[in-house]
Amino acid sequence: MGRAARGERTRTTGTPAGTTPNEGDMADHPHPPASPPALRLRRPGWRDPRLLLGVVLVAASVALGSTLVASAGRTVPVYAAAEALVPGDALAAADLTVRQVRLDAAGATYVRADEPLADDLVATRVVGAGELLPRSAVATQTELGLRPVAIEPDGALPEGLAAGAAVDLWFVPEGDAGVAPSSSVGATRGAPTVEPQLLAAGLTVAEVSEPRGGLAVGSAVTVHVLVPVDELPTVLGALAAEGSVEVVLVPGGGR
């Protein structure tokens, strides 16, 4: 009787009939929310605008790089002086050399060797041997505005006098009876003067002609100087006056 009562109480206080052991706990703790479905990345297709944009950018970069490399390596032929040129020197293709230079360095700065030269083209300034021939250093004979004048100095020539050198021309009267060559040198023609007069400054020597057998002093050497047309009356007047025209070298000038 006692055991039967204890068994009955055990059955009464235990898990109710028809329920599972976890139903009570599940009633106290509701189910957690379901996880969202995983997103799967799709492989981009050829019609994806992002892929097309990337292809276009890569192609444009390659094309631009190729163009820059090709332009940097492109050269054009230009003329260079085979020997030193002085103002008045006639220019012909046979007297020049050809150099290959980069296109960006040539442009319109230098005389192109693939273009014909004018027949009456001359140098307008000193161009050193091997120097590229600038367009600014050439002109036609009529545009030059310089004329060569032969001068035979009475004194010794200065050391370093050669074609391309810069010189000044001075008139030295003969003693007390000297006359100024023209009014442009500060005196009236025929007025006595004993001071040398500056005729022209910064002229270019075109040529120095020496006699055969070596250098001689005095009239044996002739210096050909390029004189601007507007200064010719002064220089020619001095050559015709009683006195001498001397050539004075300008240090650091010319070539």
Protein backbone atom coordinates (compact mmCIF):
# COMPACT_ATOMS: atom_id res chain seq x y z
CA MET A 1 0.00 0.00 0.00
CA GLY A 2 2.74 2.43 0.86
CA ARG A 3 4.85 1.54 -2.14
CA ALA A 4 1.83 1.84 -4.38
CA ALA A 5 1.10 5.34 -3.08
CA ARG A 6 4.69 6.50 -3.54
CA GLY A 7 4.67 5.15 -7.12
CA GLU A 8 1.45 6.93 -7.81
CA ARG A 9 2.84 10.22 -6.54
CA THR A 10 5.92 9.73 -8.66
CA ARG A 11 3.86 9.26 -11.75
CA THR A 12 1.71 12.23 -10.83
CA THR A 13 4.61 14.67 -10.26
CA GLY A 14 6.73 13.43 -13.21
CA THR A 15 6.48 14.31 -16.84
CA PRO A 16 2.84 14.52 -17.87
CA ALA A 17 1.66 11.80 -20.10
CA GLY A 18 1.74 12.52 -23.82
CA THR A 19 4.47 15.19 -23.63
CA THR A 20 8.18 15.05 -24.46
CA PRO A 21 10.82 15.98 -21.94
CA ASN A 22 11.81 19.22 -23.77
CA GLU A 23 8.37 20.64 -24.47
CA GLY A 24 8.36 22.62 -21.27
CA ASP A 25 11.74 24.16 -21.94
CA MET A 26 10.74 24.96 -25.52
CA ALA A 27 7.62 26.68 -24.24
CA ASP A 28 9.75 28.87 -21.98
CA HIS A 29 12.39 29.56 -24.73
CA PRO A 30 10.83 30.32 -28.16
CA HIS A 31 12.60 29.33 -31.42
CA PRO A 32 15.38 31.78 -32.61
CA PRO A 33 14.77 33.66 -35.92
CA ALA A 34 15.75 31.81 -39.03
CA SER A 35 19.11 32.83 -40.70
CA PRO A 36 18.83 34.78 -43.98
CA PRO A 37 19.71 32.81 -47.08
CA ALA A 38 23.36 33.12 -48.21
CA LEU A 39 24.02 35.41 -51.18
CA ARG A 40 25.91 33.82 -54.01
CA LEU A 41 28.14 35.98 -56.24
CA ARG A 42 27.43 35.61 -59.88
CA ARG A 43 30.24 35.47 -62.40
CA PRO A 44 30.15 38.71 -64.46
CA GLY A 45 29.18 38.25 -68.04
CA TRP A 46 30.37 40.06 -71.17
CA ARG A 47 27.41 42.37 -70.98
CA ASP A 48 28.32 43.61 -67.51
CA PRO A 49 28.98 47.40 -67.89
CA ARG A 50 31.73 47.28 -65.27
CA LEU A 51 33.64 44.68 -67.23
CA LEU A 52 33.23 46.62 -70.47
CA LEU A 53 34.46 49.81 -68.81
CA GLY A 54 37.55 48.04 -67.50
CA VAL A 55 38.37 46.66 -70.93
CA VAL A 56 38.03 50.12 -72.50
CA LEU A 57 40.33 51.72 -69.88
CA VAL A 58 43.02 49.07 -70.36
CA ALA A 59 42.90 49.41 -74.15
CA ALA A 60 43.11 53.22 -73.93
CA SER A 61 46.11 53.03 -71.60
CA VAL A 62 47.96 50.66 -73.91
CA ALA A 63 47.24 52.82 -76.96
CA LEU A 64 48.36 56.00 -75.22
CA GLY A 65 51.57 54.42 -73.98
CA SER A 66 52.41 53.11 -77.45
CA THR A 67 51.83 56.55 -78.97
CA LEU A 68 54.08 58.28 -76.45
CA VAL A 69 56.89 55.75 -76.96
CA ALA A 70 56.64 56.06 -80.74
CA SER A 71 56.69 59.88 -80.60
CA ALA A 72 59.69 59.94 -78.27
CA GLY A 73 61.67 57.71 -80.61
CA ARG A 74 60.80 59.53 -83.84
CA THR A 75 63.59 61.60 -85.36
CA VAL A 76 63.81 64.03 -88.26
CA PRO A 77 66.84 65.15 -90.32
CA VAL A 78 68.13 68.70 -89.74
CA TYR A 79 71.16 70.56 -91.06
CA ALA A 80 74.29 71.27 -89.02
CA ALA A 81 77.31 73.38 -89.88
CA ALA A 82 80.17 71.26 -91.24
CA GLU A 83 82.53 74.17 -90.54
CA ALA A 84 82.16 77.46 -88.71
CA LEU A 85 79.82 79.85 -90.51
CA VAL A 86 79.99 83.63 -90.36
CA PRO A 87 77.41 86.17 -91.51
CA GLY A 88 77.30 86.32 -95.27
CA ASP A 89 78.42 82.74 -95.90
CA ALA A 90 76.35 81.15 -98.65
CA LEU A 91 74.54 78.01 -97.59
CA ALA A 92 74.29 74.92 -99.77
CA ALA A 93 73.37 71.36 -98.89
CA ALA A 94 76.84 70.17 -99.96
CA ASP A 95 78.47 72.45 -97.36
CA LEU A 96 76.31 71.19 -94.48
CA THR A 97 75.96 67.93 -92.59
CA VAL A 98 72.76 66.14 -91.61
CA ARG A 99 71.89 65.18 -88.05
CA GLN A 100 68.97 63.13 -86.78
CA VAL A 101 67.20 64.80 -83.87
CA ARG A 102 64.01 64.08 -81.96
CA LEU A 103 60.87 65.57 -83.44
CA ASP A 104 60.03 67.63 -80.34
CA ALA A 105 63.52 69.15 -80.37
CA ALA A 106 63.40 70.05 -84.07
CA GLY A 107 59.95 71.41 -84.82
CA ALA A 108 60.30 74.85 -86.40
CA THR A 109 63.55 75.69 -84.60
CA TYR A 110 66.12 74.23 -86.99
CA VAL A 111 66.46 74.03 -90.77
CA ARG A 112 65.07 70.67 -91.91
CA ALA A 113 67.23 68.59 -94.22
CA ASP A 114 64.18 67.07 -95.89
CA GLU A 115 63.13 70.50 -97.19
CA PRO A 116 64.84 72.29 -100.12
CA LEU A 117 67.17 75.21 -99.37
CA ALA A 118 66.70 78.57 -101.05
CA ASP A 119 69.33 79.40 -103.65
CA ASP A 120 70.36 82.72 -102.09
CA LEU A 121 70.36 81.60 -98.45
CA VAL A 122 73.16 82.95 -96.26
CA ALA A 123 74.12 82.87 -92.60
CA THR A 124 73.18 85.91 -90.54
CA ARG A 125 75.25 85.14 -87.44
CA VAL A 126 78.16 82.97 -86.38
CA VAL A 127 77.34 79.25 -86.26
CA GLY A 128 79.98 76.99 -84.76
CA ALA A 129 81.21 73.82 -86.44
CA GLY A 130 78.87 70.94 -85.68
CA GLU A 131 76.14 73.24 -84.34
CA LEU A 132 72.60 72.64 -85.55
CA LEU A 133 71.55 75.31 -88.02
CA PRO A 134 68.76 77.45 -86.51
CA ARG A 135 66.20 79.04 -88.77
CA SER A 136 66.87 82.34 -86.99
CA ALA A 137 70.49 82.23 -88.22
CA VAL A 138 69.68 82.18 -91.94
CA ALA A 139 68.19 84.65 -94.39
CA THR A 140 68.33 85.57 -98.03
CA GLN A 141 71.11 87.77 -99.35
CA THR A 142 68.80 90.76 -99.66
CA GLU A 143 67.57 90.34 -96.08
CA LEU A 144 71.07 90.11 -94.62
CA GLY A 145 71.79 93.85 -94.66
CA LEU A 146 75.59 93.33 -94.38
CA ARG A 147 78.36 93.94 -96.88
CA PRO A 148 81.96 92.68 -96.69
CA VAL A 149 84.60 95.43 -96.65
CA ALA A 150 88.29 94.68 -97.13
CA ILE A 151 90.55 96.46 -94.63
CA GLU A 152 94.36 96.48 -94.59
CA PRO A 153 95.47 97.61 -91.13
CA ASP A 154 98.80 99.39 -90.79
CA GLY A 155 99.49 97.88 -87.39
CA ALA A 156 99.97 94.27 -86.39
CA LEU A 157 96.91 92.11 -86.19
CA PRO A 158 95.69 91.18 -82.71
CA GLU A 159 96.22 87.63 -81.58
CA GLY A 160 93.16 85.42 -82.03
CA LEU A 161 91.76 87.37 -84.97
CA ALA A 162 89.98 84.89 -87.24
CA ALA A 163 86.76 84.40 -89.16
CA GLY A 164 83.78 84.77 -86.83
CA ALA A 165 85.53 87.06 -84.37
CA ALA A 166 83.88 90.28 -83.20
CA VAL A 167 85.85 93.47 -83.83
CA ASP A 168 85.60 97.25 -83.62
CA LEU A 169 86.84 99.55 -86.40
CA TRP A 170 88.81 102.67 -85.46
CA PHE A 171 90.07 105.48 -87.65
CA VAL A 172 93.56 106.70 -86.77
CA PRO A 173 94.43 110.08 -88.42
CA GLU A 174 97.91 110.82 -89.76
CA GLY A 175 99.53 113.06 -87.14
CA ASP A 176 98.18 116.60 -86.67
CA ALA A 177 96.82 116.77 -90.20
CA GLY A 178 94.33 113.96 -89.74
CA VAL A 179 90.72 114.44 -90.75
CA ALA A 180 87.62 112.76 -89.46
CA PRO A 181 85.98 110.51 -92.07
CA SER A 182 82.45 111.82 -91.53
CA SER A 183 80.28 113.87 -89.20
CA SER A 184 78.99 110.67 -87.60
CA VAL A 185 82.26 110.25 -85.69
CA GLY A 186 81.91 113.60 -83.95
CA ALA A 187 83.85 115.96 -86.20
CA THR A 188 83.33 117.92 -89.40
CA ARG A 189 85.13 116.62 -92.47
CA GLY A 190 88.37 118.48 -92.95
CA ALA A 191 88.69 119.58 -89.31
CA PRO A 192 92.05 118.63 -87.78
CA THR A 193 91.98 115.90 -85.20
CA VAL A 194 94.63 113.74 -83.55
CA GLU A 195 92.38 111.41 -81.57
CA PRO A 196 91.32 108.03 -82.98
CA GLN A 197 87.66 107.85 -83.88
CA LEU A 198 85.37 104.84 -83.42
CA LEU A 199 83.79 103.95 -86.75
CA ALA A 200 81.71 100.85 -85.95
CA ALA A 201 81.49 98.42 -83.05
CA GLY A 202 80.68 94.74 -82.74
CA LEU A 203 81.26 93.79 -86.37
CA THR A 204 81.98 90.26 -87.53
CA VAL A 205 85.09 89.15 -89.36
CA ALA A 206 84.17 87.19 -92.47
CA GLU A 207 87.70 86.23 -93.52
CA VAL A 208 91.35 86.94 -92.84
CA SER A 209 93.45 86.75 -96.01
CA GLU A 210 97.14 86.11 -95.43
CA PRO A 211 99.78 86.36 -98.12
CA ARG A 212 101.66 83.31 -99.30
CA GLY A 213 104.84 82.57 -97.45
CA GLY A 214 103.54 83.29 -93.96
CA LEU A 215 102.07 86.10 -91.92
CA ALA A 216 103.31 89.58 -92.76
CA VAL A 217 102.84 92.85 -90.95
CA GLY A 218 100.97 95.79 -92.44
CA SER A 219 99.12 95.81 -95.72
CA ALA A 220 100.17 92.23 -96.48
CA VAL A 221 97.16 90.95 -94.51
CA THR A 222 93.58 91.81 -95.42
CA VAL A 223 90.71 91.54 -92.99
CA HIS A 224 87.26 91.22 -94.53
CA VAL A 225 84.72 92.71 -92.13
CA LEU A 226 80.94 92.57 -92.50
CA VAL A 227 79.58 96.12 -92.22
CA PRO A 228 75.88 97.02 -91.96
CA VAL A 229 74.62 98.88 -94.99
CA ASP A 230 73.73 102.01 -93.00
CA GLU A 231 77.30 102.22 -91.65
CA LEU A 232 79.03 101.84 -95.00
CA PRO A 233 79.39 105.61 -95.65
CA THR A 234 81.32 106.08 -92.40
CA VAL A 235 83.66 103.14 -92.97
CA LEU A 236 84.27 103.83 -96.65
CA GLY A 237 84.87 107.51 -95.90
CA ALA A 238 87.53 106.56 -93.36
CA LEU A 239 89.26 104.27 -95.84
CA ALA A 240 89.47 107.17 -98.33
CA ALA A 241 90.73 109.70 -95.74
CA GLU A 242 94.34 110.37 -94.75
CA GLY A 243 94.95 107.87 -92.02
CA SER A 244 94.40 104.20 -91.35
CA VAL A 245 91.52 102.01 -90.27
CA GLU A 246 92.54 99.62 -87.51
CA VAL A 247 90.84 96.43 -86.41
CA VAL A 248 90.45 95.96 -82.64
CA LEU A 249 89.44 92.54 -81.36
CA VAL A 250 86.51 92.41 -78.91
CA PRO A 251 87.45 89.97 -76.10
CA GLY A 252 84.92 87.16 -75.76
CA GLY A 253 82.94 88.27 -78.79
CA GLY A 254 82.04 86.22 -81.82
CA ARG A 255 82.98 82.53 -81.93
